[in-house]
Amino acid sequence: MLSDEHAEEMEGERIRALGFSGAFVGLWAWELTGGGLPADFDEATYRT
């Protein structure tokens, strides 16, 4: 398994750039009624 600490670009002893080796998924919810209701999810499905 590759972790984030192995995704760094080194320049000698100095870290030149940080990398990301994992997966990323975002979920957006927008409350349109104006009532200020929270987004509450019991389940989500990710399909490729």
C-alpha atoms as a PDB file:
ATOM      1  CA  MET A   1       0.000   0.000   0.000  1.00  0.00           C
ATOM      2  CA  LEU A   2       1.320   3.423  -0.931  1.00  0.00           C
ATOM      3  CA  SER A   3       0.800   6.102   1.675  1.00  0.00           C
ATOM      4  CA  ASP A   4       0.962   9.890   1.410  1.00  0.00           C
ATOM      5  CA  GLU A   5       4.426  10.164   2.948  1.00  0.00           C
ATOM      6  CA  HIS A   6       5.824   8.385  -0.147  1.00  0.00           C
ATOM      7  CA  ALA A   7       4.166  10.897  -2.495  1.00  0.00           C
ATOM      8  CA  GLU A   8       6.494  13.752  -1.465  1.00  0.00           C
ATOM      9  CA  GLU A   9       9.046  15.204  -3.869  1.00  0.00           C
ATOM     10  CA  MET A  10      12.351  15.647  -2.062  1.00  0.00           C
ATOM     11  CA  GLU A  11      15.148  18.081  -2.884  1.00  0.00           C
ATOM     12  CA  GLY A  12      18.075  16.880  -0.803  1.00  0.00           C
ATOM     13  CA  GLU A  13      16.839  16.894   2.801  1.00  0.00           C
ATOM     14  CA  ARG A  14      14.014  19.352   2.015  1.00  0.00           C
ATOM     15  CA  ILE A  15      10.458  18.506   0.934  1.00  0.00           C
ATOM     16  CA  ARG A  16       9.921  20.315  -2.392  1.00  0.00           C
ATOM     17  CA  ALA A  17       6.268  19.345  -2.985  1.00  0.00           C
ATOM     18  CA  LEU A  18       3.647  17.297  -1.161  1.00  0.00           C
ATOM     19  CA  GLY A  19       1.694  14.647  -3.038  1.00  0.00           C
ATOM     20  CA  PHE A  20      -1.551  12.775  -2.603  1.00  0.00           C
ATOM     21  CA  SER A  21      -1.764   9.039  -3.231  1.00  0.00           C
ATOM     22  CA  GLY A  22      -5.284   8.267  -2.014  1.00  0.00           C
ATOM     23  CA  ALA A  23      -8.802   8.444  -3.370  1.00  0.00           C
ATOM     24  CA  PHE A  24     -11.043  11.471  -2.959  1.00  0.00           C
ATOM     25  CA  VAL A  25     -14.831  11.645  -3.121  1.00  0.00           C
ATOM     26  CA  GLY A  26     -16.930  14.747  -2.515  1.00  0.00           C
ATOM     27  CA  LEU A  27     -20.602  15.114  -1.638  1.00  0.00           C
ATOM     28  CA  TRP A  28     -22.394  18.434  -2.100  1.00  0.00           C
ATOM     29  CA  ALA A  29     -25.754  19.331  -0.603  1.00  0.00           C
ATOM     30  CA  TRP A  30     -27.515  22.668  -1.006  1.00  0.00           C
ATOM     31  CA  GLU A  31     -30.571  23.547   1.046  1.00  0.00           C
ATOM     32  CA  LEU A  32     -32.845  25.555  -1.280  1.00  0.00           C
ATOM     33  CA  THR A  33     -35.862  26.181   0.981  1.00  0.00           C
ATOM     34  CA  GLY A  34     -34.183  28.916   3.039  1.00  0.00           C
ATOM     35  CA  GLY A  35     -35.098  27.105   6.250  1.00  0.00           C
ATOM     36  CA  GLY A  36     -31.486  26.364   7.185  1.00  0.00           C
ATOM     37  CA  LEU A  37     -32.075  22.609   7.345  1.00  0.00           C
ATOM     38  CA  PRO A  38     -28.953  20.432   7.713  1.00  0.00           C
ATOM     39  CA  ALA A  39     -27.972  17.850   5.103  1.00  0.00           C
ATOM     40  CA  ASP A  40     -28.489  14.478   6.788  1.00  0.00           C
ATOM     41  CA  PHE A  41     -27.569  11.300   4.899  1.00  0.00           C
ATOM     42  CA  ASP A  42     -28.053   7.751   6.130  1.00  0.00           C
ATOM     43  CA  GLU A  43     -26.492   6.142   3.062  1.00  0.00           C
ATOM     44  CA  ALA A  44     -24.540   7.008  -0.093  1.00  0.00           C
ATOM     45  CA  THR A  45     -23.587   4.812  -3.057  1.00  0.00           C
ATOM     46  CA  TYR A  46     -20.480   5.317  -5.193  1.00  0.00           C
ATOM     47  CA  ARG A  47     -20.473   3.689  -8.631  1.00  0.00           C
ATOM     48  CA  THR A  48     -17.748   3.689 -11.253  1.00  0.00           C
END
